[in-house]
C-alpha atoms as a PDB file:
ATOM      1  CA  MET A   1      62.413 157.692 106.824  1.00  0.00           C
ATOM      2  CA  ARG A   2      63.871 157.456 103.312  1.00  0.00           C
ATOM      3  CA  LYS A   3      60.608 155.979 102.055  1.00  0.00           C
ATOM      4  CA  LEU A   4      58.642 158.893 103.576  1.00  0.00           C
ATOM      5  CA  LEU A   5      60.967 161.451 102.005  1.00  0.00           C
ATOM      6  CA  SER A   6      60.637 159.776  98.616  1.00  0.00           C
ATOM      7  CA  LEU A   7      56.858 159.780  98.843  1.00  0.00           C
ATOM      8  CA  LEU A   8      56.833 163.447  99.858  1.00  0.00           C
ATOM      9  CA  LEU A   9      59.175 164.280  96.990  1.00  0.00           C
ATOM     10  CA  ALA A  10      56.990 162.460  94.500  1.00  0.00           C
ATOM     11  CA  GLY A  11      53.859 164.180  95.904  1.00  0.00           C
ATOM     12  CA  THR A  12      55.464 167.622  95.662  1.00  0.00           C
ATOM     13  CA  MET A  13      56.363 166.964  92.035  1.00  0.00           C
ATOM     14  CA  VAL A  14      52.796 165.971  91.207  1.00  0.00           C
ATOM     15  CA  LEU A  15      51.434 169.148  92.867  1.00  0.00           C
ATOM     16  CA  SER A  16      53.938 171.195  90.901  1.00  0.00           C
ATOM     17  CA  LEU A  17      52.696 169.642  87.707  1.00  0.00           C
ATOM     18  CA  GLY A  18      49.109 170.645  88.570  1.00  0.00           C
ATOM     19  CA  ALA A  19      50.094 174.234  89.417  1.00  0.00           C
ATOM     20  CA  CYS A  20      52.000 174.690  86.139  1.00  0.00           C
ATOM     21  CA  SER A  21      49.544 173.020  83.781  1.00  0.00           C
ATOM     22  CA  GLY A  22      48.699 176.219  81.929  1.00  0.00           C
ATOM     23  CA  GLY A  23      52.245 177.284  80.987  1.00  0.00           C
ATOM     24  CA  GLY A  24      52.465 176.042  77.338  1.00  0.00           C
ATOM     25  CA  THR A  25      55.389 174.168  75.771  1.00  0.00           C
ATOM     26  CA  GLU A  26      57.930 175.271  78.314  1.00  0.00           C
ATOM     27  CA  THR A  27      55.737 174.062  81.147  1.00  0.00           C
ATOM     28  CA  THR A  28      55.056 170.757  79.346  1.00  0.00           C
ATOM     29  CA  GLU A  29      58.784 170.105  78.988  1.00  0.00           C
ATOM     30  CA  ALA A  30      59.303 170.923  82.657  1.00  0.00           C
ATOM     31  CA  ALA A  31      56.474 168.574  83.564  1.00  0.00           C
ATOM     32  CA  ALA A  32      58.053 165.756  81.543  1.00  0.00           C
ATOM     33  CA  GLU A  33      61.375 166.287  83.242  1.00  0.00           C
ATOM     34  CA  THR A  34      59.716 166.297  86.649  1.00  0.00           C
ATOM     35  CA  THR A  35      57.802 163.114  85.876  1.00  0.00           C
ATOM     36  CA  ALA A  36      61.033 161.403  84.813  1.00  0.00           C
ATOM     37  CA  ALA A  37      62.721 162.558  87.995  1.00  0.00           C
ATOM     38  CA  ALA A  38      59.856 161.154  90.064  1.00  0.00           C
ATOM     39  CA  ALA A  39      60.109 157.813  88.261  1.00  0.00           C
ATOM     40  CA  GLU A  40      63.857 157.690  88.873  1.00  0.00           C
ATOM     41  CA  ALA A  41      63.337 158.477  92.543  1.00  0.00           C
ATOM     42  CA  GLN A  42      60.781 155.684  92.874  1.00  0.00           C
ATOM     43  CA  GLU A  43      63.057 153.225  91.055  1.00  0.00           C
ATOM     44  CA  ALA A  44      65.976 154.148  93.305  1.00  0.00           C
ATOM     45  CA  GLU A  45      63.734 153.685  96.335  1.00  0.00           C
ATOM     46  CA  ALA A  46      62.724 150.211  95.141  1.00  0.00           C
ATOM     47  CA  GLU A  47      66.347 149.226  94.611  1.00  0.00           C
ATOM     48  CA  GLU A  48      67.294 150.563  98.031  1.00  0.00           C
ATOM     49  CA  THR A  49      64.457 148.649  99.683  1.00  0.00           C
ATOM     50  CA  GLU A  50      65.561 145.446  97.951  1.00  0.00           C
ATOM     51  CA  ALA A  51      69.153 145.963  99.068  1.00  0.00           C
ATOM     52  CA  GLU A  52      68.039 146.634 102.638  1.00  0.00           C
ATOM     53  CA  ALA A  53      66.013 143.416 102.638  1.00  0.00           C
ATOM     54  CA  ALA A  54      69.004 141.429 101.420  1.00  0.00           C
ATOM     55  CA  ALA A  55      71.265 143.054 104.011  1.00  0.00           C
ATOM     56  CA  GLU A  56      68.780 142.191 106.739  1.00  0.00           C
ATOM     57  CA  GLY A  57      68.839 138.546 105.663  1.00  0.00           C
ATOM     58  CA  GLU A  58      65.312 138.349 104.274  1.00  0.00           C
ATOM     59  CA  SER A  59      64.687 134.783 103.086  1.00  0.00           C
ATOM     60  CA  LEU A  60      64.624 133.934  99.398  1.00  0.00           C
ATOM     61  CA  GLY A  61      62.256 131.126 100.332  1.00  0.00           C
ATOM     62  CA  ARG A  62      62.362 127.642 101.797  1.00  0.00           C
ATOM     63  CA  LEU A  63      63.947 124.758  99.868  1.00  0.00           C
ATOM     64  CA  LEU A  64      63.295 121.064 100.322  1.00  0.00           C
ATOM     65  CA  PHE A  65      66.652 119.336  99.913  1.00  0.00           C
ATOM     66  CA  LEU A  66      66.383 115.573  99.490  1.00  0.00           C
ATOM     67  CA  GLN A  67      69.360 113.203  99.502  1.00  0.00           C
ATOM     68  CA  THR A  68      69.369 109.532  98.596  1.00  0.00           C
ATOM     69  CA  HIS A  69      71.355 108.806 101.771  1.00  0.00           C
ATOM     70  CA  ASN A  70      74.174 110.211 103.887  1.00  0.00           C
ATOM     71  CA  ASN A  71      75.876 106.903 104.614  1.00  0.00           C
ATOM     72  CA  ASN A  72      79.360 107.853 103.439  1.00  0.00           C
ATOM     73  CA  SER A  73      81.666 110.802 103.973  1.00  0.00           C
ATOM     74  CA  PHE A  74      81.045 112.349 100.567  1.00  0.00           C
ATOM     75  CA  MET A  75      77.246 112.335 100.903  1.00  0.00           C
ATOM     76  CA  SER A  76      77.449 113.660 104.462  1.00  0.00           C
ATOM     77  CA  TYR A  77      79.778 116.423 103.344  1.00  0.00           C
ATOM     78  CA  MET A  78      77.530 117.354 100.411  1.00  0.00           C
ATOM     79  CA  GLY A  79      74.531 117.578 102.723  1.00  0.00           C
ATOM     80  CA  GLU A  80      76.385 119.791 105.183  1.00  0.00           C
ATOM     81  CA  MET A  81      77.771 121.958 102.388  1.00  0.00           C
ATOM     82  CA  PHE A  82      74.418 122.492 100.659  1.00  0.00           C
ATOM     83  CA  VAL A  83      72.662 123.579 103.857  1.00  0.00           C
ATOM     84  CA  LYS A  84      75.547 125.875 104.853  1.00  0.00           C
ATOM     85  CA  LEU A  85      75.821 127.598 101.477  1.00  0.00           C
ATOM     86  CA  ALA A  86      72.048 127.871 101.050  1.00  0.00           C
ATOM     87  CA  GLU A  87      71.624 129.586 104.397  1.00  0.00           C
ATOM     88  CA  GLU A  88      74.487 131.960 103.624  1.00  0.00           C
ATOM     89  CA  ARG A  89      72.643 132.980 100.455  1.00  0.00           C
ATOM     90  CA  GLY A  90      69.374 133.670 102.233  1.00  0.00           C
ATOM     91  CA  PHE A  91      67.493 130.399 101.782  1.00  0.00           C
ATOM     92  CA  GLU A  92      65.829 128.371 104.494  1.00  0.00           C
ATOM     93  CA  VAL A  93      66.371 124.625 104.049  1.00  0.00           C
ATOM     94  CA  ASP A  94      64.711 121.423 105.198  1.00  0.00           C
ATOM     95  CA  HIS A  95      67.117 118.519 104.630  1.00  0.00           C
ATOM     96  CA  LEU A  96      65.858 114.923 104.456  1.00  0.00           C
ATOM     97  CA  THR A  97      67.432 111.613 103.435  1.00  0.00           C
ATOM     98  CA  ALA A  98      65.644 108.546 102.064  1.00  0.00           C
ATOM     99  CA  ASP A  99      68.010 105.727 103.082  1.00  0.00           C
ATOM    100  CA  SER A 100      68.272 104.849  99.377  1.00  0.00           C
ATOM    101  CA  ASP A 101      64.555 104.006  99.226  1.00  0.00           C
ATOM    102  CA  GLU A 102      62.762 105.307  96.127  1.00  0.00           C
ATOM    103  CA  ALA A 103      59.279 105.094  97.651  1.00  0.00           C
ATOM    104  CA  THR A 104      60.440 107.075 100.691  1.00  0.00           C
ATOM    105  CA  GLN A 105      61.866 109.842  98.536  1.00  0.00           C
ATOM    106  CA  LEU A 106      58.726 110.043  96.390  1.00  0.00           C
ATOM    107  CA  SER A 107      56.669 110.334  99.577  1.00  0.00           C
ATOM    108  CA  GLN A 108      58.958 113.122 100.833  1.00  0.00           C
ATOM    109  CA  ILE A 109      58.390 115.043  97.615  1.00  0.00           C
ATOM    110  CA  GLU A 110      54.621 114.621  97.791  1.00  0.00           C
ATOM    111  CA  GLN A 111      54.484 115.661 101.452  1.00  0.00           C
ATOM    112  CA  GLY A 112      56.588 118.711 100.646  1.00  0.00           C
ATOM    113  CA  ILE A 113      54.156 119.730  97.917  1.00  0.00           C
ATOM    114  CA  VAL A 114      51.137 119.302 100.185  1.00  0.00           C
ATOM    115  CA  SER A 115      52.767 121.384 102.945  1.00  0.00           C
ATOM    116  CA  GLY A 116      52.903 124.463 100.717  1.00  0.00           C
ATOM    117  CA  ASN A 117      56.095 125.538 102.502  1.00  0.00           C
ATOM    118  CA  TYR A 118      58.555 125.446  99.607  1.00  0.00           C
ATOM    119  CA  VAL A 119      59.579 127.489  96.593  1.00  0.00           C
ATOM    120  CA  GLY A 120      61.694 124.673  95.218  1.00  0.00           C
ATOM    121  CA  ILE A 121      62.852 121.076  95.548  1.00  0.00           C
ATOM    122  CA  VAL A 122      66.510 120.059  95.130  1.00  0.00           C
ATOM    123  CA  CYS A 123      66.794 116.290  94.809  1.00  0.00           C
ATOM    124  CA  ASP A 124      69.691 113.834  94.807  1.00  0.00           C
ATOM    125  CA  CYS A 125      67.580 111.139  93.194  1.00  0.00           C
ATOM    126  CA  THR A 126      67.079 107.551  94.335  1.00  0.00           C
ATOM    127  CA  GLY A 127      65.712 106.454  90.953  1.00  0.00           C
ATOM    128  CA  GLU A 128      63.387 107.151  88.053  1.00  0.00           C
ATOM    129  CA  GLY A 129      60.286 106.714  90.215  1.00  0.00           C
ATOM    130  CA  VAL A 130      60.653 110.201  91.661  1.00  0.00           C
ATOM    131  CA  THR A 131      59.784 111.748  88.278  1.00  0.00           C
ATOM    132  CA  GLN A 132      56.084 111.439  89.159  1.00  0.00           C
ATOM    133  CA  GLY A 133      56.787 113.634  92.175  1.00  0.00           C
ATOM    134  CA  PHE A 134      58.584 116.134  89.964  1.00  0.00           C
ATOM    135  CA  LYS A 135      55.517 116.349  87.712  1.00  0.00           C
ATOM    136  CA  GLU A 136      53.299 117.044  90.718  1.00  0.00           C
ATOM    137  CA  ALA A 137      55.769 119.627  92.029  1.00  0.00           C
ATOM    138  CA  LYS A 138      55.779 121.538  88.736  1.00  0.00           C
ATOM    139  CA  GLU A 139      51.997 121.479  88.622  1.00  0.00           C
ATOM    140  CA  ALA A 140      52.037 122.992  92.113  1.00  0.00           C
ATOM    141  CA  GLY A 141      54.320 125.811  90.924  1.00  0.00           C
ATOM    142  CA  LEU A 142      57.589 124.681  92.539  1.00  0.00           C
ATOM    143  CA  TYR A 143      61.004 124.822  90.922  1.00  0.00           C
ATOM    144  CA  VAL A 144      62.600 121.377  90.552  1.00  0.00           C
ATOM    145  CA  MET A 145      66.322 120.674  90.399  1.00  0.00           C
ATOM    146  CA  THR A 146      68.359 117.464  90.507  1.00  0.00           C
ATOM    147  CA  LEU A 147      71.748 117.474  92.245  1.00  0.00           C
ATOM    148  CA  HIS A 148      74.515 114.854  91.981  1.00  0.00           C
ATOM    149  CA  GLU A 149      72.237 111.930  91.010  1.00  0.00           C
ATOM    150  CA  GLY A 150      69.613 112.776  88.410  1.00  0.00           C
ATOM    151  CA  VAL A 151      67.004 110.979  86.328  1.00  0.00           C
ATOM    152  CA  THR A 152      66.665 110.143  82.640  1.00  0.00           C
ATOM    153  CA  ASP A 153      63.342 111.948  82.208  1.00  0.00           C
ATOM    154  CA  ASN A 154      64.015 115.638  82.844  1.00  0.00           C
ATOM    155  CA  SER A 155      60.783 116.950  81.311  1.00  0.00           C
ATOM    156  CA  ASN A 156      59.717 118.356  84.706  1.00  0.00           C
ATOM    157  CA  VAL A 157      63.186 119.390  85.876  1.00  0.00           C
ATOM    158  CA  ASP A 158      64.230 123.034  85.646  1.00  0.00           C
ATOM    159  CA  CYS A 159      67.948 122.381  86.048  1.00  0.00           C
ATOM    160  CA  VAL A 160      70.327 119.413  86.295  1.00  0.00           C
ATOM    161  CA  VAL A 161      73.525 119.826  88.347  1.00  0.00           C
ATOM    162  CA  ALA A 162      76.054 117.034  88.649  1.00  0.00           C
ATOM    163  CA  CYS A 163      79.693 116.075  88.497  1.00  0.00           C
ATOM    164  CA  SER A 164      80.693 114.260  85.322  1.00  0.00           C
ATOM    165  CA  LEU A 165      81.000 110.638  86.431  1.00  0.00           C
ATOM    166  CA  ALA A 166      82.009 109.691  82.897  1.00  0.00           C
ATOM    167  CA  ASP A 167      85.063 111.922  83.277  1.00  0.00           C
ATOM    168  CA  THR A 168      86.114 110.043  86.414  1.00  0.00           C
ATOM    169  CA  GLY A 169      85.925 106.736  84.546  1.00  0.00           C
ATOM    170  CA  TYR A 170      87.967 108.013  81.638  1.00  0.00           C
ATOM    171  CA  GLU A 171      90.565 109.674  83.868  1.00  0.00           C
ATOM    172  CA  ALA A 172      90.982 106.588  86.086  1.00  0.00           C
ATOM    173  CA  ILE A 173      92.068 104.454  83.137  1.00  0.00           C
ATOM    174  CA  ARG A 174      94.138 107.264  81.597  1.00  0.00           C
ATOM    175  CA  LEU A 175      96.027 107.538  84.889  1.00  0.00           C
ATOM    176  CA  GLU A 176      96.626 103.774  84.870  1.00  0.00           C
ATOM    177  CA  VAL A 177      98.141 104.247  81.406  1.00  0.00           C
ATOM    178  CA  GLU A 178     100.434 106.961  82.770  1.00  0.00           C
ATOM    179  CA  GLU A 179     101.727 104.522  85.390  1.00  0.00           C
ATOM    180  CA  LEU A 180     101.791 101.302  83.381  1.00  0.00           C
ATOM    181  CA  GLY A 181     102.030 102.230  79.710  1.00  0.00           C
ATOM    182  CA  GLU A 182      99.390 101.323  77.135  1.00  0.00           C
ATOM    183  CA  ASP A 183      99.825  97.529  77.199  1.00  0.00           C
ATOM    184  CA  PHE A 184      98.768  95.984  80.524  1.00  0.00           C
ATOM    185  CA  ASN A 185      96.161  93.736  82.164  1.00  0.00           C
ATOM    186  CA  LEU A 186      93.277  95.657  83.708  1.00  0.00           C
ATOM    187  CA  ALA A 187      90.561  94.508  86.138  1.00  0.00           C
ATOM    188  CA  ILE A 188      87.330  96.524  86.370  1.00  0.00           C
ATOM    189  CA  VAL A 189      85.026  96.492  89.406  1.00  0.00           C
ATOM    190  CA  ASN A 190      81.640  97.967  88.404  1.00  0.00           C
ATOM    191  CA  GLY A 191      78.767  99.087  90.613  1.00  0.00           C
ATOM    192  CA  SER A 192      75.346  97.473  90.311  1.00  0.00           C
ATOM    193  CA  GLU A 193      74.090  96.698  86.828  1.00  0.00           C
ATOM    194  CA  GLY A 194      71.813  99.363  85.336  1.00  0.00           C
ATOM    195  CA  HIS A 195      72.414 101.911  88.121  1.00  0.00           C
ATOM    196  CA  GLY A 196      72.734 105.446  86.777  1.00  0.00           C
ATOM    197  CA  ALA A 197      76.178 105.978  88.266  1.00  0.00           C
ATOM    198  CA  THR A 198      77.353 102.618  86.932  1.00  0.00           C
ATOM    199  CA  VAL A 199      76.211 103.527  83.434  1.00  0.00           C
ATOM    200  CA  ALA A 200      77.851 106.965  83.582  1.00  0.00           C
ATOM    201  CA  ILE A 201      81.228 105.788  84.902  1.00  0.00           C
ATOM    202  CA  ARG A 202      81.236 102.871  82.489  1.00  0.00           C
ATOM    203  CA  GLU A 203      80.802 105.317  79.625  1.00  0.00           C
ATOM    204  CA  GLY A 204      84.115 106.866  80.664  1.00  0.00           C
ATOM    205  CA  TYR A 205      85.816 103.491  81.020  1.00  0.00           C
ATOM    206  CA  ASP A 206      84.686 102.446  77.553  1.00  0.00           C
ATOM    207  CA  ARG A 207      85.825 105.715  76.013  1.00  0.00           C
ATOM    208  CA  ALA A 208      89.289 105.224  77.499  1.00  0.00           C
ATOM    209  CA  LEU A 209      89.440 101.575  76.427  1.00  0.00           C
ATOM    210  CA  GLU A 210      88.602 102.593  72.882  1.00  0.00           C
ATOM    211  CA  GLU A 211      91.360 105.195  72.924  1.00  0.00           C
ATOM    212  CA  PHE A 212      93.958 102.930  74.567  1.00  0.00           C
ATOM    213  CA  SER A 213      93.155  99.812  72.607  1.00  0.00           C
ATOM    214  CA  ASP A 214      96.224  97.821  73.753  1.00  0.00           C
ATOM    215  CA  ILE A 215      94.828  97.503  77.281  1.00  0.00           C
ATOM    216  CA  ASN A 216      93.786  93.913  78.001  1.00  0.00           C
ATOM    217  CA  VAL A 217      90.689  93.742  80.254  1.00  0.00           C
ATOM    218  CA  VAL A 218      91.230  90.402  82.000  1.00  0.00           C
ATOM    219  CA  PHE A 219      88.407  90.726  84.556  1.00  0.00           C
ATOM    220  CA  ASP A 220      85.204  92.772  84.487  1.00  0.00           C
ATOM    221  CA  GLY A 221      82.486  92.248  87.104  1.00  0.00           C
ATOM    222  CA  ALA A 222      79.997  93.888  89.485  1.00  0.00           C
ATOM    223  CA  GLY A 223      80.829  94.552  93.123  1.00  0.00           C
ATOM    224  CA  ASN A 224      77.394  96.157  93.714  1.00  0.00           C
ATOM    225  CA  TRP A 225      78.863  99.149  95.535  1.00  0.00           C
ATOM    226  CA  ASN A 226      79.921  97.285  98.701  1.00  0.00           C
ATOM    227  CA  ALA A 227      83.172  95.920 100.095  1.00  0.00           C
ATOM    228  CA  GLU A 228      81.921  92.404 100.819  1.00  0.00           C
ATOM    229  CA  GLU A 229      80.763  91.637  97.284  1.00  0.00           C
ATOM    230  CA  ALA A 230      83.850  93.280  95.797  1.00  0.00           C
ATOM    231  CA  MET A 231      86.013  91.065  98.034  1.00  0.00           C
ATOM    232  CA  ALA A 232      84.204  87.900  96.951  1.00  0.00           C
ATOM    233  CA  LEU A 233      84.507  88.917  93.311  1.00  0.00           C
ATOM    234  CA  THR A 234      88.200  89.758  93.344  1.00  0.00           C
ATOM    235  CA  GLU A 235      89.188  86.767  95.486  1.00  0.00           C
ATOM    236  CA  THR A 236      88.230  84.552  92.541  1.00  0.00           C
ATOM    237  CA  TRP A 237      90.194  86.768  90.177  1.00  0.00           C
ATOM    238  CA  PHE A 238      93.410  86.549  92.182  1.00  0.00           C
ATOM    239  CA  ALA A 239      92.905  82.841  92.788  1.00  0.00           C
ATOM    240  CA  SER A 240      92.809  82.245  89.036  1.00  0.00           C
ATOM    241  CA  GLY A 241      96.498  83.047  88.661  1.00  0.00           C
ATOM    242  CA  GLU A 242      95.823  85.565  85.852  1.00  0.00           C
ATOM    243  CA  ARG A 243      98.186  88.524  86.099  1.00  0.00           C
ATOM    244  CA  ILE A 244      96.528  91.818  87.124  1.00  0.00           C
ATOM    245  CA  ASP A 245      98.542  94.980  86.547  1.00  0.00           C
ATOM    246  CA  GLY A 246      95.949  97.652  87.360  1.00  0.00           C
ATOM    247  CA  ILE A 247      92.479  97.932  88.920  1.00  0.00           C
ATOM    248  CA  VAL A 248      89.697 100.510  88.670  1.00  0.00           C
ATOM    249  CA  CYS A 249      86.686 100.524  91.033  1.00  0.00           C
ATOM    250  CA  MET A 250      83.570 102.641  90.728  1.00  0.00           C
ATOM    251  CA  ASN A 251      83.533 103.595  94.406  1.00  0.00           C
ATOM    252  CA  ASP A 252      85.693 103.581  97.527  1.00  0.00           C
ATOM    253  CA  GLY A 253      83.516 101.056  99.315  1.00  0.00           C
ATOM    254  CA  MET A 254      84.371  98.391  96.763  1.00  0.00           C
ATOM    255  CA  ALA A 255      87.991  99.532  96.685  1.00  0.00           C
ATOM    256  CA  THR A 256      88.183  98.819 100.422  1.00  0.00           C
ATOM    257  CA  GLY A 257      87.270  95.193  99.771  1.00  0.00           C
ATOM    258  CA  VAL A 258      89.666  94.951  96.834  1.00  0.00           C
ATOM    259  CA  ARG A 259      92.534  96.309  98.916  1.00  0.00           C
ATOM    260  CA  GLN A 260      91.920  93.608 101.515  1.00  0.00           C
ATOM    261  CA  VAL A 261      92.196  90.907  98.850  1.00  0.00           C
ATOM    262  CA  MET A 262      95.357  92.549  97.533  1.00  0.00           C
ATOM    263  CA  ARG A 263      96.749  92.565 101.078  1.00  0.00           C
ATOM    264  CA  ASP A 264      95.901  88.880 101.498  1.00  0.00           C
ATOM    265  CA  ASN A 265      97.746  88.129  98.263  1.00  0.00           C
ATOM    266  CA  GLY A 266     100.810  90.183  99.180  1.00  0.00           C
ATOM    267  CA  VAL A 267     100.425  92.731  96.364  1.00  0.00           C
ATOM    268  CA  LEU A 268      98.936  95.720  98.208  1.00  0.00           C
ATOM    269  CA  GLY A 269     100.709  98.876  97.108  1.00  0.00           C
ATOM    270  CA  THR A 270     102.206  97.258  94.009  1.00  0.00           C
ATOM    271  CA  ILE A 271      99.149  97.527  91.734  1.00  0.00           C
ATOM    272  CA  PRO A 272      97.697 100.971  90.939  1.00  0.00           C
ATOM    273  CA  ILE A 273      94.058 101.310  91.922  1.00  0.00           C
ATOM    274  CA  TYR A 274      91.684 104.249  91.405  1.00  0.00           C
ATOM    275  CA  SER A 275      88.154 104.701  92.688  1.00  0.00           C
ATOM    276  CA  ASN A 276      85.546 107.384  93.499  1.00  0.00           C
ATOM    277  CA  ASP A 277      84.318 109.237  96.619  1.00  0.00           C
ATOM    278  CA  CYS A 278      87.419 110.066  98.734  1.00  0.00           C
ATOM    279  CA  GLU A 279      86.151 108.341 101.856  1.00  0.00           C
ATOM    280  CA  ALA A 280      88.294 108.580 104.964  1.00  0.00           C
ATOM    281  CA  ASP A 281      89.691 105.037 104.845  1.00  0.00           C
ATOM    282  CA  THR A 282      90.639 105.463 101.190  1.00  0.00           C
ATOM    283  CA  LEU A 283      92.425 108.711 101.994  1.00  0.00           C
ATOM    284  CA  ASP A 284      94.346 106.790 104.662  1.00  0.00           C
ATOM    285  CA  ALA A 285      95.199 104.136 102.054  1.00  0.00           C
ATOM    286  CA  ILE A 286      96.462 106.812  99.668  1.00  0.00           C
ATOM    287  CA  GLU A 287      98.646 108.218 102.458  1.00  0.00           C
ATOM    288  CA  ALA A 288     100.013 104.739 103.174  1.00  0.00           C
ATOM    289  CA  GLY A 289     100.844 104.109  99.497  1.00  0.00           C
ATOM    290  CA  GLU A 290      98.186 101.388  99.226  1.00  0.00           C
ATOM    291  CA  GLN A 291      96.061 103.188  96.614  1.00  0.00           C
ATOM    292  CA  SER A 292      96.999 105.605  93.834  1.00  0.00           C
ATOM    293  CA  GLY A 293      94.031 107.956  93.999  1.00  0.00           C
ATOM    294  CA  SER A 294      90.321 108.634  94.352  1.00  0.00           C
ATOM    295  CA  PHE A 295      87.965 111.111  92.719  1.00  0.00           C
ATOM    296  CA  ASP A 296      85.890 113.529  94.750  1.00  0.00           C
ATOM    297  CA  MET A 297      82.598 114.542  93.081  1.00  0.00           C
ATOM    298  CA  ASN A 298      83.305 118.170  93.986  1.00  0.00           C
ATOM    299  CA  ALA A 299      80.390 118.651  96.369  1.00  0.00           C
ATOM    300  CA  GLU A 300      81.065 122.337  96.984  1.00  0.00           C
ATOM    301  CA  ALA A 301      81.116 123.214  93.282  1.00  0.00           C
ATOM    302  CA  GLN A 302      77.924 121.209  92.724  1.00  0.00           C
ATOM    303  CA  CYS A 303      76.135 122.990  95.572  1.00  0.00           C
ATOM    304  CA  GLU A 304      77.353 126.415  94.429  1.00  0.00           C
ATOM    305  CA  ALA A 305      76.105 125.782  90.894  1.00  0.00           C
ATOM    306  CA  ALA A 306      72.733 124.502  92.121  1.00  0.00           C
ATOM    307  CA  LEU A 307      72.159 127.484  94.386  1.00  0.00           C
ATOM    308  CA  ASP A 308      73.243 129.944  91.687  1.00  0.00           C
ATOM    309  CA  ALA A 309      70.677 128.412  89.349  1.00  0.00           C
ATOM    310  CA  MET A 310      67.910 128.320  91.978  1.00  0.00           C
ATOM    311  CA  THR A 311      68.486 131.980  92.841  1.00  0.00           C
ATOM    312  CA  LYS A 312      68.147 132.925  89.169  1.00  0.00           C
ATOM    313  CA  LEU A 313      64.957 130.907  88.804  1.00  0.00           C
ATOM    314  CA  ILE A 314      63.381 132.540  91.851  1.00  0.00           C
ATOM    315  CA  ASN A 315      64.355 135.986  90.530  1.00  0.00           C
ATOM    316  CA  GLY A 316      62.641 135.215  87.232  1.00  0.00           C
ATOM    317  CA  GLU A 317      65.848 134.970  85.223  1.00  0.00           C
ATOM    318  CA  THR A 318      66.390 132.559  82.338  1.00  0.00           C
ATOM    319  CA  LEU A 319      69.088 129.940  82.848  1.00  0.00           C
ATOM    320  CA  GLU A 320      71.766 129.922  80.162  1.00  0.00           C
ATOM    321  CA  GLU A 321      72.257 126.182  80.694  1.00  0.00           C
ATOM    322  CA  LYS A 322      69.731 123.638  81.921  1.00  0.00           C
ATOM    323  CA  GLU A 323      72.434 121.007  82.460  1.00  0.00           C
ATOM    324  CA  ILE A 324      75.492 122.009  84.505  1.00  0.00           C
ATOM    325  CA  TYR A 325      78.411 119.608  85.033  1.00  0.00           C
ATOM    326  CA  VAL A 326      81.300 120.460  87.340  1.00  0.00           C
ATOM    327  CA  GLU A 327      84.743 118.887  87.120  1.00  0.00           C
ATOM    328  CA  PRO A 328      85.712 116.117  89.581  1.00  0.00           C
ATOM    329  CA  LEU A 329      88.652 116.507  91.951  1.00  0.00           C
ATOM    330  CA  LEU A 330      91.414 113.896  91.842  1.00  0.00           C
ATOM    331  CA  VAL A 331      93.060 113.262  95.205  1.00  0.00           C
ATOM    332  CA  THR A 332      96.496 111.599  95.231  1.00  0.00           C
ATOM    333  CA  ALA A 333      99.418 111.594  97.649  1.00  0.00           C
ATOM    334  CA  GLU A 334     100.530 114.898  96.111  1.00  0.00           C
ATOM    335  CA  ASN A 335      97.472 116.921  97.144  1.00  0.00           C
ATOM    336  CA  LEU A 336      96.123 114.778  99.983  1.00  0.00           C
ATOM    337  CA  GLU A 337      96.988 117.146 102.839  1.00  0.00           C
ATOM    338  CA  GLU A 338      95.621 120.143 100.933  1.00  0.00           C
ATOM    339  CA  TYR A 339      92.389 118.243 100.349  1.00  0.00           C
ATOM    340  CA  ARG A 340      92.082 117.229 103.982  1.00  0.00           C
ATOM    341  CA  ALA A 341      92.673 120.810 105.095  1.00  0.00           C
ATOM    342  CA  SER A 342      89.927 122.068 102.783  1.00  0.00           C
ATOM    343  CA  HIS A 343      87.485 119.639 104.406  1.00  0.00           C
ATOM    344  CA  ALA A 344      88.714 120.105 107.972  1.00  0.00           C
ATOM    345  CA  ASP A 345      85.525 121.824 109.149  1.00  0.00           C
ATOM    346  CA  SER A 346      83.478 118.757 108.318  1.00  0.00           C
ATOM    347  CA  GLY A 347      83.366 115.794 110.661  1.00  0.00           C
ATOM    348  CA  SER A 348      82.996 113.557 107.602  1.00  0.00           C
ATOM    349  CA  TYR A 349      86.725 113.493 106.736  1.00  0.00           C
END
């Protein structure tokens, strides 16, 4: 009804202009005012129509959301959070995982392009090989965004959203310093060599080690992201008899293996250990006093930032920043219950 009234109003104004066309300057001024009024009425109608569409839940488009995997609590939670927040904002979402297989994820991207169903792709990347898919997506007119795990070549990426893994590395060692002072023996359990997350976290470790130069790194090896290899690695360290005062691990999976070795050697709970991901068993270890803390990659903040950016891109706005990094969340015994409560709706924690 409002649209009909607006059209009738605009039509009446046009007829009035025709009827008064011979009235000189005064009539010309009146005509200009009437034309401006008609334009304002049409603009207001357009804004009202847009607002009505938003209120009625009209979709902003369909997104293809690709995750490397959902094999731990953090990744599961991030997947759940992205879909929930996207739907609340008016997006439709198809959510796929690649079981950490680069070829699978590249195929998912290519199939998404061929389908013609999507306005954008949001990708937690398995590796550099997906950049070919990004190139094809851009050529097909899709927006491309990386979330959590990105790639080195961002030439076909509209926006990068991640948590600063380097900050978690730096903070883990700084927290060890708070507990132990600046002169102590540190053991470092890395992820797999050359992996993007390994490189990023290691950057933070190295920055801290440069700042706190009295720290003695007695052991430094790769646990390849899993408990079994981390156990095998650290068993040899403890068997050597070299004193270990503090330990940092790049993820909770490896920390689980390290804690078992510490338990076997009767030192569990006596050596501060920090890791990443806030998985359920690590939260239990923090509660039991067996681990000092773990860093959450702030999934909700990452998803919020990604969806903010995607909405702007779809609306034709220019992004102020192409790279957006959110701050990690440190979980210790002090804020453990608060953290658990904030994730209570997810079955992942």
